[in-house]
């Protein structure tokens, strides 16, 4: 591998697929020497992906656009009529006086599994659970791009060194999968889950509650497992996807396990955790692909 040229490595990329190539590129001396030169372009593309998403979310009044705002109400209003486990969940998560925002922006870092390798990443995200998200990231120091669900459409775009496209995906299946992701991530925007925003809550016992609502054409039933302190330990839902990359799209169990907690802007959220497909089955060890820690967070006004 060390004797290969950059062009040879890129050719290998298209021959063998993205995951193995990411690892090969990470180890290739020729490519590593390009990083200081291309670093500025990589950062510029991360900025572009993030701010493009921000504009898509913030421009109101146009078809497919999302107006991000928070409501004037503050605190824990709207808990009347909820079951005790659900009320405990909200009281633990939302401090009195917190703006009842429906969106947030935050930064995170962690590692993502590509093939058999865990690759470090840093990312920024804009999340409006009732509308969509943009997740802009840099992985392995060399792959830059974004996953998104905006205006009812999901897409993924990733480039090597900000120059060569290594992945693009869109279409109905990806859009349905991305909608499921957007709808399950309100564990990071807890105020957006209040009943006033169209969310129906049920409880099966003191430690298990379910949030149900629709995002565009996707029905979401997201199940939460709580600890004795009412903090979220686990989030599980059925997500449309093709986790084996074999062309067999269907609903599979998808889970997020919280490993730590943090409080930002009056909202307590899972500050760290791991996520993946096949949760609750004997395939969870192969389905887990994402480990993250949130480092900066703001409710969006």
C-alpha atoms as a PDB file:
ATOM      1  CA  UNK A   1       0.000   0.000   0.000  1.00  0.00           C
ATOM      2  CA  UNK A   2       2.777   2.450   0.904  1.00  0.00           C
ATOM      3  CA  UNK A   3       4.187   2.386  -2.635  1.00  0.00           C
ATOM      4  CA  UNK A   4       0.907   3.225  -4.353  1.00  0.00           C
ATOM      5  CA  UNK A   5       0.253   6.598  -5.930  1.00  0.00           C
ATOM      6  CA  UNK A   6      -2.745   8.688  -5.010  1.00  0.00           C
ATOM      7  CA  UNK A   7      -4.362   7.863  -8.372  1.00  0.00           C
ATOM      8  CA  UNK A   8      -3.933   4.145  -7.689  1.00  0.00           C
ATOM      9  CA  UNK A   9      -5.552   4.463  -4.291  1.00  0.00           C
ATOM     10  CA  UNK A  10      -8.472   6.395  -5.784  1.00  0.00           C
ATOM     11  CA  UNK A  11      -8.923   3.697  -8.418  1.00  0.00           C
ATOM     12  CA  UNK A  12      -8.979   1.150  -5.610  1.00  0.00           C
ATOM     13  CA  UNK A  13     -11.680   3.276  -3.997  1.00  0.00           C
ATOM     14  CA  UNK A  14     -14.042   2.780  -6.887  1.00  0.00           C
ATOM     15  CA  UNK A  15     -13.110  -0.884  -7.230  1.00  0.00           C
ATOM     16  CA  UNK A  16     -13.519  -1.962  -3.620  1.00  0.00           C
ATOM     17  CA  UNK A  17     -16.003   0.464  -2.129  1.00  0.00           C
ATOM     18  CA  UNK A  18     -15.817   3.249   0.437  1.00  0.00           C
ATOM     19  CA  UNK A  19     -15.212   1.525   3.807  1.00  0.00           C
ATOM     20  CA  UNK A  20     -11.944  -0.244   2.990  1.00  0.00           C
ATOM     21  CA  UNK A  21     -10.709   2.697   0.983  1.00  0.00           C
ATOM     22  CA  UNK A  22     -11.160   5.049   3.917  1.00  0.00           C
ATOM     23  CA  UNK A  23      -8.746   2.904   5.894  1.00  0.00           C
ATOM     24  CA  UNK A  24      -6.316   2.565   3.002  1.00  0.00           C
ATOM     25  CA  UNK A  25      -6.316   6.301   2.374  1.00  0.00           C
ATOM     26  CA  UNK A  26      -5.791   6.944   6.044  1.00  0.00           C
ATOM     27  CA  UNK A  27      -2.561   4.927   5.857  1.00  0.00           C
ATOM     28  CA  UNK A  28      -1.283   6.180   2.514  1.00  0.00           C
ATOM     29  CA  UNK A  29       1.754   8.469   2.824  1.00  0.00           C
ATOM     30  CA  UNK A  30       1.079  10.291  -0.455  1.00  0.00           C
ATOM     31  CA  UNK A  31      -2.451  11.264   0.595  1.00  0.00           C
ATOM     32  CA  UNK A  32      -1.350  12.207   4.093  1.00  0.00           C
ATOM     33  CA  UNK A  33       1.092  14.707   2.601  1.00  0.00           C
ATOM     34  CA  UNK A  34      -1.816  16.355   0.742  1.00  0.00           C
ATOM     35  CA  UNK A  35      -3.802  16.968   3.904  1.00  0.00           C
ATOM     36  CA  UNK A  36      -2.056  20.219   4.968  1.00  0.00           C
ATOM     37  CA  UNK A  37      -2.681  21.624   1.481  1.00  0.00           C
ATOM     38  CA  UNK A  38      -6.282  20.461   1.251  1.00  0.00           C
ATOM     39  CA  UNK A  39      -7.137  21.083   4.880  1.00  0.00           C
ATOM     40  CA  UNK A  40      -8.457  24.565   4.208  1.00  0.00           C
ATOM     41  CA  UNK A  41     -10.721  23.280   1.467  1.00  0.00           C
ATOM     42  CA  UNK A  42     -12.019  20.483   3.693  1.00  0.00           C
ATOM     43  CA  UNK A  43     -12.911  22.926   6.450  1.00  0.00           C
ATOM     44  CA  UNK A  44     -14.534  25.250   3.910  1.00  0.00           C
ATOM     45  CA  UNK A  45     -16.734  22.419   2.655  1.00  0.00           C
ATOM     46  CA  UNK A  46     -17.750  21.464   6.180  1.00  0.00           C
ATOM     47  CA  UNK A  47     -18.726  25.094   6.740  1.00  0.00           C
ATOM     48  CA  UNK A  48     -20.607  25.151   3.425  1.00  0.00           C
ATOM     49  CA  UNK A  49     -22.573  21.975   4.190  1.00  0.00           C
ATOM     50  CA  UNK A  50     -23.534  23.242   7.628  1.00  0.00           C
ATOM     51  CA  UNK A  51     -24.527  26.743   6.550  1.00  0.00           C
ATOM     52  CA  UNK A  52     -26.393  25.468   3.509  1.00  0.00           C
ATOM     53  CA  UNK A  53     -28.428  23.316   5.845  1.00  0.00           C
ATOM     54  CA  UNK A  54     -28.921  26.233   8.197  1.00  0.00           C
ATOM     55  CA  UNK A  55     -30.293  28.391   5.379  1.00  0.00           C
ATOM     56  CA  UNK A  56     -32.611  25.620   4.241  1.00  0.00           C
ATOM     57  CA  UNK A  57     -33.978  25.363   7.763  1.00  0.00           C
ATOM     58  CA  UNK A  58     -34.219  29.062   8.532  1.00  0.00           C
ATOM     59  CA  UNK A  59     -35.888  30.422   5.405  1.00  0.00           C
ATOM     60  CA  UNK A  60     -39.591  30.514   6.135  1.00  0.00           C
ATOM     61  CA  UNK A  61     -42.477  30.916   3.755  1.00  0.00           C
ATOM     62  CA  UNK A  62     -41.114  28.828   0.890  1.00  0.00           C
ATOM     63  CA  UNK A  63     -42.215  25.377  -0.141  1.00  0.00           C
ATOM     64  CA  UNK A  64     -40.081  22.740   1.532  1.00  0.00           C
ATOM     65  CA  UNK A  65     -38.417  25.248   3.833  1.00  0.00           C
ATOM     66  CA  UNK A  66     -38.502  25.193   7.595  1.00  0.00           C
ATOM     67  CA  UNK A  67     -38.841  28.153   9.925  1.00  0.00           C
ATOM     68  CA  UNK A  68     -36.841  27.536  13.096  1.00  0.00           C
ATOM     69  CA  UNK A  69     -38.144  29.355  16.140  1.00  0.00           C
ATOM     70  CA  UNK A  70     -38.970  28.889  19.775  1.00  0.00           C
ATOM     71  CA  UNK A  71     -42.262  29.529  21.446  1.00  0.00           C
ATOM     72  CA  UNK A  72     -42.700  32.236  24.029  1.00  0.00           C
ATOM     73  CA  UNK A  73     -43.880  29.743  26.595  1.00  0.00           C
ATOM     74  CA  UNK A  74     -41.276  28.612  29.063  1.00  0.00           C
ATOM     75  CA  UNK A  75     -40.824  25.842  31.590  1.00  0.00           C
ATOM     76  CA  UNK A  76     -42.785  22.618  31.790  1.00  0.00           C
ATOM     77  CA  UNK A  77     -46.173  23.799  30.551  1.00  0.00           C
ATOM     78  CA  UNK A  78     -48.435  21.319  28.824  1.00  0.00           C
ATOM     79  CA  UNK A  79     -47.878  18.306  31.087  1.00  0.00           C
ATOM     80  CA  UNK A  80     -51.483  18.136  32.229  1.00  0.00           C
ATOM     81  CA  UNK A  81     -53.156  14.826  31.466  1.00  0.00           C
ATOM     82  CA  UNK A  82     -49.916  12.931  30.877  1.00  0.00           C
ATOM     83  CA  UNK A  83     -49.199   9.709  32.716  1.00  0.00           C
ATOM     84  CA  UNK A  84     -46.839   9.887  35.670  1.00  0.00           C
ATOM     85  CA  UNK A  85     -43.833   8.245  33.885  1.00  0.00           C
ATOM     86  CA  UNK A  86     -44.111  10.754  31.033  1.00  0.00           C
ATOM     87  CA  UNK A  87     -44.394  13.718  33.401  1.00  0.00           C
ATOM     88  CA  UNK A  88     -41.312  12.492  35.282  1.00  0.00           C
ATOM     89  CA  UNK A  89     -39.449  12.217  31.984  1.00  0.00           C
ATOM     90  CA  UNK A  90     -40.168  15.849  31.099  1.00  0.00           C
ATOM     91  CA  UNK A  91     -39.544  17.201  34.601  1.00  0.00           C
ATOM     92  CA  UNK A  92     -36.130  15.534  34.685  1.00  0.00           C
ATOM     93  CA  UNK A  93     -35.254  16.812  31.212  1.00  0.00           C
ATOM     94  CA  UNK A  94     -36.516  20.416  31.148  1.00  0.00           C
ATOM     95  CA  UNK A  95     -35.618  22.999  33.793  1.00  0.00           C
ATOM     96  CA  UNK A  96     -38.221  25.620  34.785  1.00  0.00           C
ATOM     97  CA  UNK A  97     -37.929  28.715  32.604  1.00  0.00           C
ATOM     98  CA  UNK A  98     -36.465  26.895  29.595  1.00  0.00           C
ATOM     99  CA  UNK A  99     -37.738  28.237  26.225  1.00  0.00           C
ATOM    100  CA  UNK A 100     -39.937  25.650  24.571  1.00  0.00           C
ATOM    101  CA  UNK A 101     -37.819  25.465  21.431  1.00  0.00           C
ATOM    102  CA  UNK A 102     -38.550  23.047  18.604  1.00  0.00           C
ATOM    103  CA  UNK A 103     -34.992  22.946  17.244  1.00  0.00           C
ATOM    104  CA  UNK A 104     -31.341  22.965  18.293  1.00  0.00           C
ATOM    105  CA  UNK A 105     -27.821  23.215  16.888  1.00  0.00           C
ATOM    106  CA  UNK A 106     -24.924  21.292  18.359  1.00  0.00           C
ATOM    107  CA  UNK A 107     -21.440  19.903  17.841  1.00  0.00           C
ATOM    108  CA  UNK A 108     -20.251  16.384  18.486  1.00  0.00           C
ATOM    109  CA  UNK A 109     -17.285  14.105  18.023  1.00  0.00           C
ATOM    110  CA  UNK A 110     -16.820  10.372  18.172  1.00  0.00           C
ATOM    111  CA  UNK A 111     -16.226   7.443  15.862  1.00  0.00           C
ATOM    112  CA  UNK A 112     -18.180   5.858  13.039  1.00  0.00           C
ATOM    113  CA  UNK A 113     -17.808   2.305  11.795  1.00  0.00           C
ATOM    114  CA  UNK A 114     -16.998   1.977   8.100  1.00  0.00           C
ATOM    115  CA  UNK A 115     -16.704  -1.638   7.109  1.00  0.00           C
ATOM    116  CA  UNK A 116     -14.695  -3.227   9.931  1.00  0.00           C
ATOM    117  CA  UNK A 117     -12.888  -0.036  10.923  1.00  0.00           C
ATOM    118  CA  UNK A 118     -13.819   2.649  13.444  1.00  0.00           C
ATOM    119  CA  UNK A 119     -12.968   6.089  12.022  1.00  0.00           C
ATOM    120  CA  UNK A 120     -12.927   9.299  14.114  1.00  0.00           C
ATOM    121  CA  UNK A 121     -15.260  12.136  13.151  1.00  0.00           C
ATOM    122  CA  UNK A 122     -16.252  15.653  14.140  1.00  0.00           C
ATOM    123  CA  UNK A 123     -19.633  17.047  13.191  1.00  0.00           C
ATOM    124  CA  UNK A 124     -22.160  19.816  13.525  1.00  0.00           C
ATOM    125  CA  UNK A 125     -25.896  19.332  13.340  1.00  0.00           C
ATOM    126  CA  UNK A 126     -29.027  21.406  12.983  1.00  0.00           C
ATOM    127  CA  UNK A 127     -32.046  19.427  14.176  1.00  0.00           C
ATOM    128  CA  UNK A 128     -35.715  20.399  13.946  1.00  0.00           C
ATOM    129  CA  UNK A 129     -37.435  17.076  14.738  1.00  0.00           C
ATOM    130  CA  UNK A 130     -40.795  17.996  13.203  1.00  0.00           C
ATOM    131  CA  UNK A 131     -39.129  19.084   9.958  1.00  0.00           C
ATOM    132  CA  UNK A 132     -35.693  17.505   9.464  1.00  0.00           C
ATOM    133  CA  UNK A 133     -31.955  17.788  10.077  1.00  0.00           C
ATOM    134  CA  UNK A 134     -28.572  18.501   8.520  1.00  0.00           C
ATOM    135  CA  UNK A 135     -25.533  16.618   9.867  1.00  0.00           C
ATOM    136  CA  UNK A 136     -22.261  17.985   8.414  1.00  0.00           C
ATOM    137  CA  UNK A 137     -19.095  16.094   9.326  1.00  0.00           C
ATOM    138  CA  UNK A 138     -15.465  15.339   8.624  1.00  0.00           C
ATOM    139  CA  UNK A 139     -14.437  11.698   9.073  1.00  0.00           C
ATOM    140  CA  UNK A 140     -10.924  10.362   9.284  1.00  0.00           C
ATOM    141  CA  UNK A 141      -9.621  13.852   8.527  1.00  0.00           C
ATOM    142  CA  UNK A 142     -10.225  13.323   4.806  1.00  0.00           C
ATOM    143  CA  UNK A 143     -13.876  12.585   4.075  1.00  0.00           C
ATOM    144  CA  UNK A 144     -16.208  15.583   4.257  1.00  0.00           C
ATOM    145  CA  UNK A 145     -19.924  15.861   3.587  1.00  0.00           C
ATOM    146  CA  UNK A 146     -23.396  15.685   5.042  1.00  0.00           C
ATOM    147  CA  UNK A 147     -26.465  13.573   5.721  1.00  0.00           C
ATOM    148  CA  UNK A 148     -29.760  15.455   5.652  1.00  0.00           C
ATOM    149  CA  UNK A 149     -33.519  15.391   5.563  1.00  0.00           C
ATOM    150  CA  UNK A 150     -34.966  18.699   4.379  1.00  0.00           C
ATOM    151  CA  UNK A 151     -38.264  19.490   2.697  1.00  0.00           C
ATOM    152  CA  UNK A 152     -39.349  15.857   2.777  1.00  0.00           C
ATOM    153  CA  UNK A 153     -36.228  14.642   0.944  1.00  0.00           C
ATOM    154  CA  UNK A 154     -33.262  12.714   2.340  1.00  0.00           C
ATOM    155  CA  UNK A 155     -29.770  12.695   0.819  1.00  0.00           C
ATOM    156  CA  UNK A 156     -26.118  11.887   1.547  1.00  0.00           C
ATOM    157  CA  UNK A 157     -23.116  13.536  -0.114  1.00  0.00           C
ATOM    158  CA  UNK A 158     -19.480  12.782   0.771  1.00  0.00           C
ATOM    159  CA  UNK A 159     -16.185  13.751  -0.868  1.00  0.00           C
ATOM    160  CA  UNK A 160     -12.563  12.712  -0.463  1.00  0.00           C
ATOM    161  CA  UNK A 161     -10.363  15.683   0.500  1.00  0.00           C
ATOM    162  CA  UNK A 162     -13.282  17.867  -0.534  1.00  0.00           C
ATOM    163  CA  UNK A 163     -12.472  17.074  -4.180  1.00  0.00           C
ATOM    164  CA  UNK A 164     -13.642  13.630  -5.275  1.00  0.00           C
ATOM    165  CA  UNK A 165     -17.151  12.358  -4.690  1.00  0.00           C
ATOM    166  CA  UNK A 166     -17.074   8.976  -2.977  1.00  0.00           C
ATOM    167  CA  UNK A 167     -20.730   8.718  -2.025  1.00  0.00           C
ATOM    168  CA  UNK A 168     -24.055  10.173  -3.106  1.00  0.00           C
ATOM    169  CA  UNK A 169     -27.438   8.724  -2.278  1.00  0.00           C
ATOM    170  CA  UNK A 170     -31.027   9.919  -2.430  1.00  0.00           C
ATOM    171  CA  UNK A 171     -34.441   8.620  -3.443  1.00  0.00           C
ATOM    172  CA  UNK A 172     -37.616   7.378  -1.693  1.00  0.00           C
ATOM    173  CA  UNK A 173     -35.959   4.657   0.396  1.00  0.00           C
ATOM    174  CA  UNK A 174     -33.248   6.932   1.726  1.00  0.00           C
ATOM    175  CA  UNK A 175     -35.812   9.665   2.386  1.00  0.00           C
ATOM    176  CA  UNK A 176     -37.941   7.292   4.453  1.00  0.00           C
ATOM    177  CA  UNK A 177     -34.898   6.160   6.426  1.00  0.00           C
ATOM    178  CA  UNK A 178     -33.740   9.749   7.007  1.00  0.00           C
ATOM    179  CA  UNK A 179     -37.227  10.751   8.168  1.00  0.00           C
ATOM    180  CA  UNK A 180     -37.033   7.993  10.771  1.00  0.00           C
ATOM    181  CA  UNK A 181     -33.696   9.335  11.960  1.00  0.00           C
ATOM    182  CA  UNK A 182     -35.045  12.887  12.184  1.00  0.00           C
ATOM    183  CA  UNK A 183     -38.057  11.695  14.124  1.00  0.00           C
ATOM    184  CA  UNK A 184     -36.062   9.608  16.597  1.00  0.00           C
ATOM    185  CA  UNK A 185     -33.458  12.254  17.449  1.00  0.00           C
ATOM    186  CA  UNK A 186     -35.701  14.548  19.547  1.00  0.00           C
ATOM    187  CA  UNK A 187     -34.022  12.942  22.551  1.00  0.00           C
ATOM    188  CA  UNK A 188     -31.632  15.844  21.813  1.00  0.00           C
ATOM    189  CA  UNK A 189     -34.447  18.433  21.575  1.00  0.00           C
ATOM    190  CA  UNK A 190     -36.646  17.342  24.454  1.00  0.00           C
ATOM    191  CA  UNK A 191     -38.838  20.457  24.359  1.00  0.00           C
ATOM    192  CA  UNK A 192     -40.004  19.507  20.852  1.00  0.00           C
ATOM    193  CA  UNK A 193     -41.652  16.377  22.260  1.00  0.00           C
ATOM    194  CA  UNK A 194     -44.266  18.170  24.337  1.00  0.00           C
ATOM    195  CA  UNK A 195     -47.887  17.315  23.442  1.00  0.00           C
ATOM    196  CA  UNK A 196     -48.477  20.870  22.212  1.00  0.00           C
ATOM    197  CA  UNK A 197     -46.319  19.951  19.190  1.00  0.00           C
ATOM    198  CA  UNK A 198     -48.535  17.041  18.133  1.00  0.00           C
ATOM    199  CA  UNK A 199     -46.827  14.244  20.052  1.00  0.00           C
ATOM    200  CA  UNK A 200     -48.957  11.546  21.703  1.00  0.00           C
ATOM    201  CA  UNK A 201     -47.475   9.785  24.736  1.00  0.00           C
ATOM    202  CA  UNK A 202     -48.291   6.405  26.266  1.00  0.00           C
ATOM    203  CA  UNK A 203     -46.712   4.453  29.127  1.00  0.00           C
ATOM    204  CA  UNK A 204     -46.668   0.682  29.526  1.00  0.00           C
ATOM    205  CA  UNK A 205     -45.051   0.797  32.975  1.00  0.00           C
ATOM    206  CA  UNK A 206     -43.012   3.275  35.089  1.00  0.00           C
ATOM    207  CA  UNK A 207     -39.868   2.695  33.003  1.00  0.00           C
ATOM    208  CA  UNK A 208     -41.191   2.397  29.459  1.00  0.00           C
ATOM    209  CA  UNK A 209     -42.878   5.193  27.505  1.00  0.00           C
ATOM    210  CA  UNK A 210     -43.625   5.743  23.806  1.00  0.00           C
ATOM    211  CA  UNK A 211     -43.816   8.931  21.733  1.00  0.00           C
ATOM    212  CA  UNK A 212     -45.976   8.769  18.582  1.00  0.00           C
ATOM    213  CA  UNK A 213     -46.308  11.336  15.805  1.00  0.00           C
ATOM    214  CA  UNK A 214     -45.853  11.798  12.057  1.00  0.00           C
ATOM    215  CA  UNK A 215     -43.079  13.429  10.098  1.00  0.00           C
ATOM    216  CA  UNK A 216     -44.356  14.030   6.569  1.00  0.00           C
ATOM    217  CA  UNK A 217     -45.422  10.548   5.355  1.00  0.00           C
ATOM    218  CA  UNK A 218     -43.579   8.611   8.062  1.00  0.00           C
ATOM    219  CA  UNK A 219     -45.347   7.381  11.191  1.00  0.00           C
ATOM    220  CA  UNK A 220     -43.022   7.309  14.181  1.00  0.00           C
ATOM    221  CA  UNK A 221     -43.446   5.275  17.356  1.00  0.00           C
ATOM    222  CA  UNK A 222     -40.307   5.811  19.404  1.00  0.00           C
ATOM    223  CA  UNK A 223     -39.897   3.731  22.569  1.00  0.00           C
ATOM    224  CA  UNK A 224     -37.948   5.046  25.572  1.00  0.00           C
ATOM    225  CA  UNK A 225     -36.561   2.999  28.466  1.00  0.00           C
ATOM    226  CA  UNK A 226     -36.046   5.111  31.611  1.00  0.00           C
ATOM    227  CA  UNK A 227     -33.913   4.680  34.692  1.00  0.00           C
ATOM    228  CA  UNK A 228     -35.039   5.188  38.278  1.00  0.00           C
ATOM    229  CA  UNK A 229     -34.109   8.859  37.877  1.00  0.00           C
ATOM    230  CA  UNK A 230     -36.377   9.159  34.786  1.00  0.00           C
ATOM    231  CA  UNK A 231     -33.358   9.692  32.517  1.00  0.00           C
ATOM    232  CA  UNK A 232     -33.389   8.015  29.127  1.00  0.00           C
ATOM    233  CA  UNK A 233     -31.287   4.870  29.066  1.00  0.00           C
ATOM    234  CA  UNK A 234     -32.388   3.530  25.689  1.00  0.00           C
ATOM    235  CA  UNK A 235     -34.300   4.687  22.599  1.00  0.00           C
ATOM    236  CA  UNK A 236     -35.574   2.061  20.142  1.00  0.00           C
ATOM    237  CA  UNK A 237     -37.734   2.318  17.035  1.00  0.00           C
ATOM    238  CA  UNK A 238     -38.329   0.511  13.753  1.00  0.00           C
ATOM    239  CA  UNK A 239     -36.375   2.292  11.033  1.00  0.00           C
ATOM    240  CA  UNK A 240     -36.574   1.772   7.300  1.00  0.00           C
ATOM    241  CA  UNK A 241     -33.186   0.820   5.931  1.00  0.00           C
ATOM    242  CA  UNK A 242     -30.810  -1.583   4.213  1.00  0.00           C
ATOM    243  CA  UNK A 243     -28.171  -2.163   6.921  1.00  0.00           C
ATOM    244  CA  UNK A 244     -26.616  -5.119   5.105  1.00  0.00           C
ATOM    245  CA  UNK A 245     -26.245  -3.097   1.866  1.00  0.00           C
ATOM    246  CA  UNK A 246     -27.798  -5.941  -0.051  1.00  0.00           C
ATOM    247  CA  UNK A 247     -30.694  -4.057  -1.610  1.00  0.00           C
ATOM    248  CA  UNK A 248     -33.221  -5.466   0.877  1.00  0.00           C
ATOM    249  CA  UNK A 249     -34.957  -2.380   2.269  1.00  0.00           C
ATOM    250  CA  UNK A 250     -37.292  -3.080   5.170  1.00  0.00           C
ATOM    251  CA  UNK A 251     -37.980  -2.033   8.757  1.00  0.00           C
ATOM    252  CA  UNK A 252     -35.283  -3.049  11.227  1.00  0.00           C
ATOM    253  CA  UNK A 253     -34.856  -2.388  14.925  1.00  0.00           C
ATOM    254  CA  UNK A 254     -32.655   0.669  15.485  1.00  0.00           C
ATOM    255  CA  UNK A 255     -31.405   1.683  18.918  1.00  0.00           C
ATOM    256  CA  UNK A 256     -29.507   4.363  20.821  1.00  0.00           C
ATOM    257  CA  UNK A 257     -27.969   3.580  24.220  1.00  0.00           C
ATOM    258  CA  UNK A 258     -27.104   6.578  26.434  1.00  0.00           C
ATOM    259  CA  UNK A 259     -23.769   6.306  28.214  1.00  0.00           C
ATOM    260  CA  UNK A 260     -23.549   9.793  29.755  1.00  0.00           C
ATOM    261  CA  UNK A 261     -25.663  12.930  30.262  1.00  0.00           C
ATOM    262  CA  UNK A 262     -25.180  16.678  29.983  1.00  0.00           C
ATOM    263  CA  UNK A 263     -27.242  19.815  30.564  1.00  0.00           C
ATOM    264  CA  UNK A 264     -27.265  22.700  28.079  1.00  0.00           C
ATOM    265  CA  UNK A 265     -29.618  25.692  27.918  1.00  0.00           C
ATOM    266  CA  UNK A 266     -31.821  24.197  30.628  1.00  0.00           C
ATOM    267  CA  UNK A 267     -32.291  20.858  28.857  1.00  0.00           C
ATOM    268  CA  UNK A 268     -30.731  17.610  30.093  1.00  0.00           C
ATOM    269  CA  UNK A 269     -29.919  15.259  27.224  1.00  0.00           C
ATOM    270  CA  UNK A 270     -27.922  12.087  26.626  1.00  0.00           C
ATOM    271  CA  UNK A 271     -24.517  13.697  26.150  1.00  0.00           C
ATOM    272  CA  UNK A 272     -22.890  10.521  24.886  1.00  0.00           C
ATOM    273  CA  UNK A 273     -24.015   7.184  23.531  1.00  0.00           C
ATOM    274  CA  UNK A 274     -23.888   4.578  20.817  1.00  0.00           C
ATOM    275  CA  UNK A 275     -26.320   3.734  18.030  1.00  0.00           C
ATOM    276  CA  UNK A 276     -26.940   1.141  15.383  1.00  0.00           C
ATOM    277  CA  UNK A 277     -29.132  -1.413  13.679  1.00  0.00           C
ATOM    278  CA  UNK A 278     -30.513  -4.730  14.990  1.00  0.00           C
ATOM    279  CA  UNK A 279     -30.848  -3.520  18.573  1.00  0.00           C
ATOM    280  CA  UNK A 280     -32.245  -6.187  20.865  1.00  0.00           C
ATOM    281  CA  UNK A 281     -31.085  -9.007  18.588  1.00  0.00           C
ATOM    282  CA  UNK A 282     -27.966 -11.165  18.407  1.00  0.00           C
ATOM    283  CA  UNK A 283     -26.795  -8.961  15.511  1.00  0.00           C
ATOM    284  CA  UNK A 284     -26.420  -5.787  17.614  1.00  0.00           C
ATOM    285  CA  UNK A 285     -22.623  -6.276  17.768  1.00  0.00           C
ATOM    286  CA  UNK A 286     -22.451  -5.973  13.977  1.00  0.00           C
ATOM    287  CA  UNK A 287     -25.187  -3.346  13.666  1.00  0.00           C
ATOM    288  CA  UNK A 288     -23.640  -0.786  16.035  1.00  0.00           C
ATOM    289  CA  UNK A 289     -21.848   1.817  13.912  1.00  0.00           C
ATOM    290  CA  UNK A 290     -21.986   5.175  15.700  1.00  0.00           C
ATOM    291  CA  UNK A 291     -20.474   6.433  18.977  1.00  0.00           C
ATOM    292  CA  UNK A 292     -20.734  10.097  19.849  1.00  0.00           C
ATOM    293  CA  UNK A 293     -20.313  12.777  22.494  1.00  0.00           C
ATOM    294  CA  UNK A 294     -21.967  16.199  22.306  1.00  0.00           C
ATOM    295  CA  UNK A 295     -19.539  19.014  23.102  1.00  0.00           C
ATOM    296  CA  UNK A 296     -21.572  22.156  22.430  1.00  0.00           C
ATOM    297  CA  UNK A 297     -25.327  22.686  22.291  1.00  0.00           C
ATOM    298  CA  UNK A 298     -27.830  25.507  21.891  1.00  0.00           C
ATOM    299  CA  UNK A 299     -31.582  25.624  21.633  1.00  0.00           C
ATOM    300  CA  UNK A 300     -32.356  27.628  18.509  1.00  0.00           C
ATOM    301  CA  UNK A 301     -34.272  30.884  18.928  1.00  0.00           C
END
